[in-house]
């Protein structure tokens, strides 16, 4: 007979709360997203390779509005040294990597964030890092941070789903 460990119960609760907050049409408190993040498992670079459809949590962070306005589709991770952080959908419907807005592309590394080592995308031309954790095998939670964000944020919180 299987009994849930406290860690499994925390992950399950975090997944349920994550789904509830994703469905909100109103602003989401960053503190609640931080609690979810803390409960989720880390991921390795090789586990997240592929194409991902992106969306964000509206915490009031200005990056959220910019990504919505720019036609952001998601991210593509072809290899550790070949990550495309800003996949956009053009007016013609075609997806492309916006290297102008991103000032290049990115790479994937294992980086410590909040005391845990997890897969992290480091932008080539911007002082920005996107840290990832697994919600489930098809969904990642991301936190964008970097120079200018401050040690405790405010950060930008987002979702990636396997495309």
N, C-alpha and C. Protein backbone atom coordinates (compact mmCIF):
# COMPACT_ATOMS: atom_id res chain seq x y z
N UNK A 1 0.84 -1.18 0.00
CA UNK A 1 0.00 0.00 0.00
C UNK A 1 0.89 1.25 0.00
N UNK A 2 0.56 2.18 -0.86
CA UNK A 2 1.34 3.42 -1.01
C UNK A 2 0.78 4.48 -0.09
N UNK A 3 1.67 5.12 0.65
CA UNK A 3 1.23 6.27 1.44
C UNK A 3 1.98 7.50 0.95
N UNK A 4 1.28 8.59 0.83
CA UNK A 4 1.90 9.82 0.36
C UNK A 4 2.86 10.37 1.40
N UNK A 5 4.01 10.81 0.93
CA UNK A 5 4.93 11.50 1.82
C UNK A 5 4.47 12.94 1.93
N UNK A 6 4.92 13.65 2.96
CA UNK A 6 4.54 15.08 3.04
C UNK A 6 4.95 15.85 1.79
N UNK A 7 6.10 15.51 1.19
CA UNK A 7 6.56 16.19 -0.02
C UNK A 7 5.58 15.97 -1.17
N UNK A 8 5.09 14.70 -1.34
CA UNK A 8 4.11 14.41 -2.40
C UNK A 8 2.83 15.21 -2.20
N UNK A 9 2.38 15.31 -0.96
CA UNK A 9 1.17 16.06 -0.64
C UNK A 9 1.36 17.54 -0.97
N UNK A 10 2.54 18.09 -0.63
CA UNK A 10 2.83 19.49 -0.95
C UNK A 10 2.81 19.74 -2.46
N UNK A 11 3.39 18.82 -3.22
CA UNK A 11 3.42 18.95 -4.69
C UNK A 11 2.00 18.91 -5.24
N UNK A 12 1.19 17.96 -4.74
CA UNK A 12 -0.20 17.86 -5.20
C UNK A 12 -0.98 19.14 -4.90
N UNK A 13 -0.81 19.67 -3.71
CA UNK A 13 -1.49 20.92 -3.34
C UNK A 13 -1.01 22.07 -4.24
N UNK A 14 0.28 22.12 -4.50
CA UNK A 14 0.84 23.17 -5.36
C UNK A 14 0.27 23.07 -6.77
N UNK A 15 0.15 21.87 -7.29
CA UNK A 15 -0.41 21.68 -8.64
C UNK A 15 -1.86 22.14 -8.72
N UNK A 16 -2.63 21.82 -7.69
CA UNK A 16 -4.04 22.24 -7.66
C UNK A 16 -4.12 23.77 -7.60
N UNK A 17 -3.33 24.38 -6.74
CA UNK A 17 -3.35 25.84 -6.61
C UNK A 17 -2.86 26.51 -7.89
N UNK A 18 -1.84 25.92 -8.53
CA UNK A 18 -1.32 26.41 -9.80
C UNK A 18 -2.45 26.47 -10.84
N UNK A 19 -3.20 25.39 -10.96
CA UNK A 19 -4.31 25.34 -11.93
C UNK A 19 -5.37 26.39 -11.60
N UNK A 20 -5.65 26.59 -10.31
CA UNK A 20 -6.64 27.61 -9.92
C UNK A 20 -6.17 29.01 -10.32
N UNK A 21 -4.91 29.31 -10.04
CA UNK A 21 -4.38 30.64 -10.34
C UNK A 21 -4.27 30.88 -11.84
N UNK A 22 -3.98 29.83 -12.61
CA UNK A 22 -3.93 29.98 -14.07
C UNK A 22 -5.27 30.36 -14.64
N UNK A 23 -6.32 29.93 -14.01
CA UNK A 23 -7.67 30.20 -14.50
C UNK A 23 -8.21 31.57 -14.12
N UNK A 24 -7.46 32.31 -13.35
CA UNK A 24 -7.91 33.64 -12.89
C UNK A 24 -7.84 34.69 -13.98
N UNK A 25 -8.83 35.55 -14.00
CA UNK A 25 -8.83 36.70 -14.92
C UNK A 25 -8.33 37.95 -14.21
N UNK A 26 -8.02 37.82 -12.94
CA UNK A 26 -7.57 38.97 -12.15
C UNK A 26 -6.09 38.80 -11.81
N UNK A 27 -5.54 39.81 -11.19
CA UNK A 27 -4.14 39.80 -10.79
C UNK A 27 -3.88 38.66 -9.79
N UNK A 28 -2.73 38.02 -9.96
CA UNK A 28 -2.33 36.91 -9.10
C UNK A 28 -1.23 37.41 -8.15
N UNK A 29 -1.38 37.16 -6.85
CA UNK A 29 -0.34 37.61 -5.90
C UNK A 29 0.96 36.81 -6.08
N UNK A 30 2.06 37.53 -6.20
CA UNK A 30 3.36 36.88 -6.37
C UNK A 30 3.68 35.96 -5.19
N UNK A 31 3.26 36.32 -3.99
CA UNK A 31 3.54 35.48 -2.82
C UNK A 31 2.93 34.08 -2.96
N UNK A 32 1.75 33.99 -3.55
CA UNK A 32 1.13 32.68 -3.77
C UNK A 32 1.92 31.87 -4.80
N UNK A 33 2.42 32.55 -5.83
CA UNK A 33 3.23 31.86 -6.84
C UNK A 33 4.55 31.39 -6.23
N UNK A 34 5.10 32.16 -5.32
CA UNK A 34 6.33 31.75 -4.64
C UNK A 34 6.11 30.49 -3.81
N UNK A 35 4.97 30.38 -3.15
CA UNK A 35 4.65 29.17 -2.38
C UNK A 35 4.54 27.95 -3.28
N UNK A 36 3.91 28.11 -4.44
CA UNK A 36 3.80 27.01 -5.40
C UNK A 36 5.18 26.62 -5.87
N UNK A 37 5.98 27.60 -6.26
CA UNK A 37 7.34 27.35 -6.74
C UNK A 37 8.12 26.51 -5.73
N UNK A 38 8.04 26.87 -4.47
CA UNK A 38 8.81 26.19 -3.43
C UNK A 38 8.47 24.71 -3.33
N UNK A 39 7.24 24.34 -3.65
CA UNK A 39 6.81 22.94 -3.53
C UNK A 39 7.11 22.09 -4.77
N UNK A 40 7.32 22.72 -5.91
CA UNK A 40 7.51 21.97 -7.16
C UNK A 40 8.91 21.38 -7.28
N UNK A 41 9.03 20.26 -8.02
CA UNK A 41 10.35 19.65 -8.22
C UNK A 41 11.17 20.37 -9.29
N UNK A 42 12.48 20.36 -9.09
CA UNK A 42 13.40 20.93 -10.07
C UNK A 42 13.44 20.06 -11.31
N UNK A 43 14.01 20.59 -12.39
CA UNK A 43 14.16 19.85 -13.65
C UNK A 43 15.60 19.96 -14.14
N UNK A 44 15.98 19.01 -14.98
CA UNK A 44 17.29 19.01 -15.61
C UNK A 44 17.14 19.53 -17.04
N UNK A 45 18.21 20.07 -17.58
CA UNK A 45 18.20 20.64 -18.93
C UNK A 45 17.65 19.64 -19.95
N UNK A 46 18.16 18.41 -19.92
CA UNK A 46 17.75 17.42 -20.93
C UNK A 46 16.27 17.06 -20.84
N UNK A 47 15.63 17.30 -19.70
CA UNK A 47 14.21 17.00 -19.54
C UNK A 47 13.30 18.04 -20.19
N UNK A 48 13.84 19.21 -20.49
CA UNK A 48 12.96 20.28 -20.99
C UNK A 48 13.20 20.62 -22.46
N UNK A 49 14.06 19.87 -23.14
CA UNK A 49 14.30 20.14 -24.56
C UNK A 49 13.01 19.99 -25.34
N UNK A 50 12.80 20.86 -26.32
CA UNK A 50 11.59 20.82 -27.14
C UNK A 50 10.99 22.19 -27.31
N UNK A 51 9.78 22.21 -27.84
CA UNK A 51 9.05 23.45 -28.10
C UNK A 51 7.97 23.61 -27.04
N UNK A 52 7.87 24.82 -26.54
CA UNK A 52 6.95 25.12 -25.44
C UNK A 52 6.08 26.33 -25.78
N UNK A 53 4.81 26.23 -25.49
CA UNK A 53 3.84 27.31 -25.64
C UNK A 53 3.81 28.08 -24.32
N UNK A 54 3.93 29.40 -24.38
CA UNK A 54 4.03 30.19 -23.16
C UNK A 54 2.81 31.03 -22.85
N UNK A 55 2.65 31.30 -21.58
CA UNK A 55 1.66 32.26 -21.09
C UNK A 55 2.18 32.77 -19.75
N UNK A 56 1.62 33.87 -19.29
CA UNK A 56 2.13 34.46 -18.07
C UNK A 56 1.08 34.63 -17.01
N UNK A 57 1.56 34.84 -15.79
CA UNK A 57 0.69 35.22 -14.69
C UNK A 57 0.72 36.74 -14.58
N UNK A 58 -0.43 37.35 -14.46
CA UNK A 58 -0.49 38.81 -14.32
C UNK A 58 -0.34 39.16 -12.85
N UNK A 59 0.89 39.49 -12.47
CA UNK A 59 1.16 39.95 -11.10
C UNK A 59 1.32 41.47 -11.08
N UNK A 60 1.13 42.09 -12.24
CA UNK A 60 1.37 43.52 -12.37
C UNK A 60 2.77 43.82 -12.90
N UNK A 61 3.55 42.79 -13.15
CA UNK A 61 4.92 43.00 -13.66
C UNK A 61 4.85 43.53 -15.09
N UNK A 62 5.67 44.53 -15.45
CA UNK A 62 5.61 45.12 -16.80
C UNK A 62 5.99 44.15 -17.92
N UNK A 63 6.76 43.12 -17.64
CA UNK A 63 7.13 42.14 -18.68
C UNK A 63 5.88 41.44 -19.21
N UNK A 64 4.91 41.22 -18.36
CA UNK A 64 3.67 40.54 -18.78
C UNK A 64 2.99 41.29 -19.91
N UNK A 65 2.82 42.57 -19.73
CA UNK A 65 2.15 43.39 -20.76
C UNK A 65 2.98 43.43 -22.05
N UNK A 66 4.30 43.55 -21.92
CA UNK A 66 5.17 43.60 -23.11
C UNK A 66 5.09 42.31 -23.91
N UNK A 67 5.10 41.16 -23.23
CA UNK A 67 5.03 39.89 -23.95
C UNK A 67 3.68 39.72 -24.64
N UNK A 68 2.61 40.09 -23.97
CA UNK A 68 1.27 40.00 -24.58
C UNK A 68 1.20 40.86 -25.84
N UNK A 69 1.72 42.08 -25.76
CA UNK A 69 1.67 43.01 -26.88
C UNK A 69 2.57 42.60 -28.04
N UNK A 70 3.60 41.83 -27.77
CA UNK A 70 4.59 41.50 -28.80
C UNK A 70 4.26 40.25 -29.61
N UNK A 71 3.23 39.51 -29.22
CA UNK A 71 2.89 38.29 -29.95
C UNK A 71 3.70 37.08 -29.49
N UNK A 72 4.15 37.08 -28.23
CA UNK A 72 4.95 35.97 -27.70
C UNK A 72 4.18 34.67 -27.79
N UNK A 73 4.80 33.67 -28.40
CA UNK A 73 4.22 32.32 -28.52
C UNK A 73 4.77 31.40 -27.43
N UNK A 74 6.10 31.45 -27.21
CA UNK A 74 6.70 30.56 -26.24
C UNK A 74 8.21 30.51 -26.38
N UNK A 75 8.78 29.33 -26.09
CA UNK A 75 10.23 29.13 -26.12
C UNK A 75 10.53 27.80 -26.79
N UNK A 76 11.71 27.72 -27.39
CA UNK A 76 12.17 26.46 -27.99
C UNK A 76 13.57 26.17 -27.47
N UNK A 77 13.74 24.96 -26.95
CA UNK A 77 15.03 24.51 -26.43
C UNK A 77 15.51 23.35 -27.30
N UNK A 78 16.40 23.63 -28.25
CA UNK A 78 16.90 22.59 -29.15
C UNK A 78 18.04 21.79 -28.53
N UNK A 79 18.88 22.46 -27.76
CA UNK A 79 20.02 21.85 -27.07
C UNK A 79 20.45 22.81 -25.97
N UNK A 80 21.34 22.36 -25.10
CA UNK A 80 21.78 23.22 -24.00
C UNK A 80 22.35 24.54 -24.52
N UNK A 81 23.01 24.50 -25.67
CA UNK A 81 23.60 25.73 -26.20
C UNK A 81 22.78 26.36 -27.32
N UNK A 82 21.52 25.96 -27.46
CA UNK A 82 20.66 26.48 -28.52
C UNK A 82 19.23 26.63 -28.02
N UNK A 83 19.00 27.71 -27.28
CA UNK A 83 17.67 28.00 -26.73
C UNK A 83 17.15 29.30 -27.34
N UNK A 84 15.89 29.29 -27.69
CA UNK A 84 15.25 30.44 -28.30
C UNK A 84 14.17 30.96 -27.34
N UNK A 85 14.51 32.04 -26.60
CA UNK A 85 13.61 32.49 -25.53
C UNK A 85 12.37 33.23 -26.00
N UNK A 86 12.43 33.84 -27.17
CA UNK A 86 11.32 34.67 -27.62
C UNK A 86 10.81 34.20 -28.97
N UNK A 87 10.06 33.11 -28.95
CA UNK A 87 9.40 32.65 -30.17
C UNK A 87 8.11 33.45 -30.30
N UNK A 88 7.99 34.14 -31.42
CA UNK A 88 6.85 35.02 -31.66
C UNK A 88 6.03 34.50 -32.84
N UNK A 89 4.76 34.89 -32.86
CA UNK A 89 3.92 34.59 -34.01
C UNK A 89 3.78 35.88 -34.79
N UNK A 90 4.29 35.86 -36.03
CA UNK A 90 4.20 37.04 -36.88
C UNK A 90 2.79 37.29 -37.36
N UNK A 91 2.58 38.44 -37.98
CA UNK A 91 1.26 38.78 -38.52
C UNK A 91 0.79 37.78 -39.55
N UNK A 92 1.77 37.11 -40.22
CA UNK A 92 1.44 36.09 -41.22
C UNK A 92 1.18 34.72 -40.60
N UNK A 93 1.26 34.63 -39.26
CA UNK A 93 1.00 33.38 -38.56
C UNK A 93 2.22 32.49 -38.38
N UNK A 94 3.33 32.87 -38.99
CA UNK A 94 4.55 32.07 -38.93
C UNK A 94 5.31 32.36 -37.63
N UNK A 95 5.82 31.30 -37.01
CA UNK A 95 6.61 31.44 -35.79
C UNK A 95 8.05 31.78 -36.15
N UNK A 96 8.68 32.65 -35.35
CA UNK A 96 10.08 33.01 -35.57
C UNK A 96 10.72 33.37 -34.24
N UNK A 97 12.05 33.29 -34.19
CA UNK A 97 12.80 33.67 -33.00
C UNK A 97 13.14 35.15 -33.10
N UNK A 98 12.65 35.94 -32.15
CA UNK A 98 12.87 37.38 -32.16
C UNK A 98 14.22 37.69 -31.49
N UNK A 99 15.28 37.63 -32.29
CA UNK A 99 16.62 37.87 -31.77
C UNK A 99 16.88 39.36 -31.55
N UNK A 100 16.09 40.21 -32.19
CA UNK A 100 16.26 41.66 -31.99
C UNK A 100 15.79 42.05 -30.59
N UNK A 101 14.58 41.65 -30.24
CA UNK A 101 14.05 41.98 -28.92
C UNK A 101 14.85 41.29 -27.82
N UNK A 102 15.27 40.05 -28.07
CA UNK A 102 16.02 39.30 -27.07
C UNK A 102 17.51 39.60 -27.06
N UNK A 103 17.97 40.41 -28.03
CA UNK A 103 19.40 40.71 -28.19
C UNK A 103 20.20 39.42 -28.29
N UNK A 104 19.74 38.53 -29.18
CA UNK A 104 20.36 37.22 -29.36
C UNK A 104 19.40 36.14 -28.90
N UNK A 105 19.96 35.00 -28.60
CA UNK A 105 19.13 33.89 -28.13
C UNK A 105 19.57 33.53 -26.71
N UNK A 106 19.79 32.24 -26.40
CA UNK A 106 20.10 31.87 -25.02
C UNK A 106 20.72 30.48 -24.96
N UNK A 107 21.14 30.11 -23.77
CA UNK A 107 21.64 28.77 -23.47
C UNK A 107 20.98 28.27 -22.19
N UNK A 108 21.06 26.95 -22.00
CA UNK A 108 20.47 26.33 -20.81
C UNK A 108 21.58 25.82 -19.90
N UNK A 109 21.44 26.08 -18.63
CA UNK A 109 22.42 25.67 -17.63
C UNK A 109 21.69 25.19 -16.38
N UNK A 110 22.38 24.44 -15.56
CA UNK A 110 21.88 24.11 -14.23
C UNK A 110 22.40 25.20 -13.29
N UNK A 111 21.47 25.94 -12.67
CA UNK A 111 21.83 27.10 -11.86
C UNK A 111 21.08 27.03 -10.52
N UNK A 112 21.77 27.47 -9.47
CA UNK A 112 21.12 27.53 -8.16
C UNK A 112 20.25 28.79 -8.08
N UNK A 113 19.02 28.60 -7.63
CA UNK A 113 18.09 29.69 -7.40
C UNK A 113 17.27 29.32 -6.18
N UNK A 114 17.25 30.18 -5.20
CA UNK A 114 16.53 29.94 -3.95
C UNK A 114 16.94 28.62 -3.29
N UNK A 115 18.23 28.32 -3.36
CA UNK A 115 18.77 27.16 -2.67
C UNK A 115 18.62 25.83 -3.39
N UNK A 116 18.09 25.84 -4.61
CA UNK A 116 17.92 24.61 -5.40
C UNK A 116 18.58 24.78 -6.76
N UNK A 117 19.15 23.72 -7.27
CA UNK A 117 19.73 23.75 -8.61
C UNK A 117 18.68 23.22 -9.59
N UNK A 118 18.36 24.04 -10.60
CA UNK A 118 17.35 23.66 -11.58
C UNK A 118 17.74 24.19 -12.95
N UNK A 119 17.12 23.64 -14.00
CA UNK A 119 17.38 24.11 -15.36
C UNK A 119 17.03 25.59 -15.46
N UNK A 120 17.95 26.34 -16.07
CA UNK A 120 17.81 27.79 -16.18
C UNK A 120 18.27 28.23 -17.55
N UNK A 121 17.50 29.11 -18.17
CA UNK A 121 17.87 29.68 -19.45
C UNK A 121 18.53 31.03 -19.19
N UNK A 122 19.73 31.21 -19.77
CA UNK A 122 20.47 32.46 -19.63
C UNK A 122 20.52 33.13 -20.99
N UNK A 123 19.96 34.33 -21.06
CA UNK A 123 19.91 35.07 -22.33
C UNK A 123 21.31 35.48 -22.75
N UNK A 124 21.59 35.43 -24.06
CA UNK A 124 22.90 35.81 -24.58
C UNK A 124 23.18 37.30 -24.42
N UNK A 125 22.18 38.14 -24.72
CA UNK A 125 22.42 39.57 -24.79
C UNK A 125 21.74 40.41 -23.74
N UNK A 126 21.14 39.77 -22.76
CA UNK A 126 20.47 40.50 -21.69
C UNK A 126 20.86 39.86 -20.36
N UNK A 127 20.93 40.64 -19.28
CA UNK A 127 21.25 40.07 -17.97
C UNK A 127 19.99 39.45 -17.34
N UNK A 128 19.45 38.41 -18.02
CA UNK A 128 18.19 37.79 -17.63
C UNK A 128 18.35 36.28 -17.54
N UNK A 129 17.74 35.70 -16.50
CA UNK A 129 17.72 34.25 -16.31
C UNK A 129 16.27 33.81 -16.12
N UNK A 130 15.89 32.73 -16.79
CA UNK A 130 14.57 32.11 -16.58
C UNK A 130 14.81 30.77 -15.91
N UNK A 131 14.32 30.60 -14.69
CA UNK A 131 14.46 29.36 -13.93
C UNK A 131 13.19 28.54 -14.13
N UNK A 132 13.34 27.20 -14.17
CA UNK A 132 12.20 26.33 -14.46
C UNK A 132 12.03 25.24 -13.40
N UNK A 133 10.77 24.90 -13.13
CA UNK A 133 10.41 23.76 -12.29
C UNK A 133 9.24 23.06 -12.96
N UNK A 134 9.06 21.78 -12.63
CA UNK A 134 8.01 20.96 -13.24
C UNK A 134 6.71 21.06 -12.45
N UNK A 135 5.63 21.39 -13.16
CA UNK A 135 4.30 21.27 -12.59
C UNK A 135 3.84 19.83 -12.82
N UNK A 136 4.05 19.35 -14.04
CA UNK A 136 3.82 17.95 -14.41
C UNK A 136 4.71 17.66 -15.62
N UNK A 137 4.55 16.50 -16.27
CA UNK A 137 5.46 16.18 -17.37
C UNK A 137 5.21 16.98 -18.65
N UNK A 138 4.18 17.80 -18.68
CA UNK A 138 3.90 18.63 -19.87
C UNK A 138 3.87 20.12 -19.56
N UNK A 139 4.10 20.48 -18.30
CA UNK A 139 3.97 21.88 -17.89
C UNK A 139 5.13 22.30 -16.99
N UNK A 140 5.69 23.47 -17.30
CA UNK A 140 6.74 24.06 -16.48
C UNK A 140 6.25 25.37 -15.90
N UNK A 141 6.72 25.68 -14.70
CA UNK A 141 6.54 27.01 -14.14
C UNK A 141 7.88 27.70 -14.29
N UNK A 142 7.87 28.96 -14.70
CA UNK A 142 9.09 29.71 -14.86
C UNK A 142 9.08 30.98 -14.02
N UNK A 143 10.28 31.35 -13.58
CA UNK A 143 10.48 32.64 -12.91
C UNK A 143 11.60 33.34 -13.65
N UNK A 144 11.30 34.53 -14.16
CA UNK A 144 12.31 35.36 -14.82
C UNK A 144 12.92 36.29 -13.79
N UNK A 145 14.24 36.31 -13.77
CA UNK A 145 14.93 37.23 -12.88
C UNK A 145 16.20 37.69 -13.57
N UNK A 146 16.89 38.60 -12.97
CA UNK A 146 18.14 39.08 -13.55
C UNK A 146 18.52 40.42 -12.99
N UNK A 147 19.53 41.00 -13.57
CA UNK A 147 20.02 42.30 -13.14
C UNK A 147 18.88 43.31 -13.25
N UNK A 148 18.69 44.05 -12.19
CA UNK A 148 17.62 45.04 -12.19
C UNK A 148 16.33 44.53 -11.57
N UNK A 149 16.22 43.21 -11.34
CA UNK A 149 15.01 42.67 -10.74
C UNK A 149 15.05 42.77 -9.21
N UNK A 150 16.25 42.85 -8.63
CA UNK A 150 16.38 42.87 -7.18
C UNK A 150 16.44 41.46 -6.63
N UNK A 151 17.10 41.29 -5.52
CA UNK A 151 17.31 39.96 -4.93
C UNK A 151 16.00 39.24 -4.62
N UNK A 152 14.97 40.00 -4.27
CA UNK A 152 13.68 39.39 -3.93
C UNK A 152 12.57 39.81 -4.90
N UNK A 153 12.97 40.20 -6.11
CA UNK A 153 12.00 40.54 -7.12
C UNK A 153 11.72 42.03 -7.14
N UNK A 154 10.65 42.44 -7.77
CA UNK A 154 9.60 41.56 -8.28
C UNK A 154 10.06 40.78 -9.51
N UNK A 155 9.68 39.51 -9.53
CA UNK A 155 10.02 38.62 -10.64
C UNK A 155 8.82 38.52 -11.59
N UNK A 156 9.08 37.96 -12.77
CA UNK A 156 8.00 37.68 -13.71
C UNK A 156 7.75 36.17 -13.68
N UNK A 157 6.52 35.77 -13.48
CA UNK A 157 6.13 34.35 -13.36
C UNK A 157 5.39 33.94 -14.63
N UNK A 158 5.75 32.77 -15.17
CA UNK A 158 5.10 32.33 -16.40
C UNK A 158 4.96 30.82 -16.45
N UNK A 159 4.26 30.37 -17.49
CA UNK A 159 3.94 28.95 -17.69
C UNK A 159 4.44 28.54 -19.07
N UNK A 160 4.98 27.34 -19.17
CA UNK A 160 5.31 26.75 -20.47
C UNK A 160 4.62 25.38 -20.54
N UNK A 161 3.95 25.14 -21.69
CA UNK A 161 3.33 23.84 -21.93
C UNK A 161 3.92 23.24 -23.20
N UNK A 162 4.20 21.96 -23.17
CA UNK A 162 4.77 21.31 -24.36
C UNK A 162 3.85 21.52 -25.55
N UNK A 163 4.43 21.97 -26.64
CA UNK A 163 3.64 22.24 -27.85
C UNK A 163 3.51 20.97 -28.69
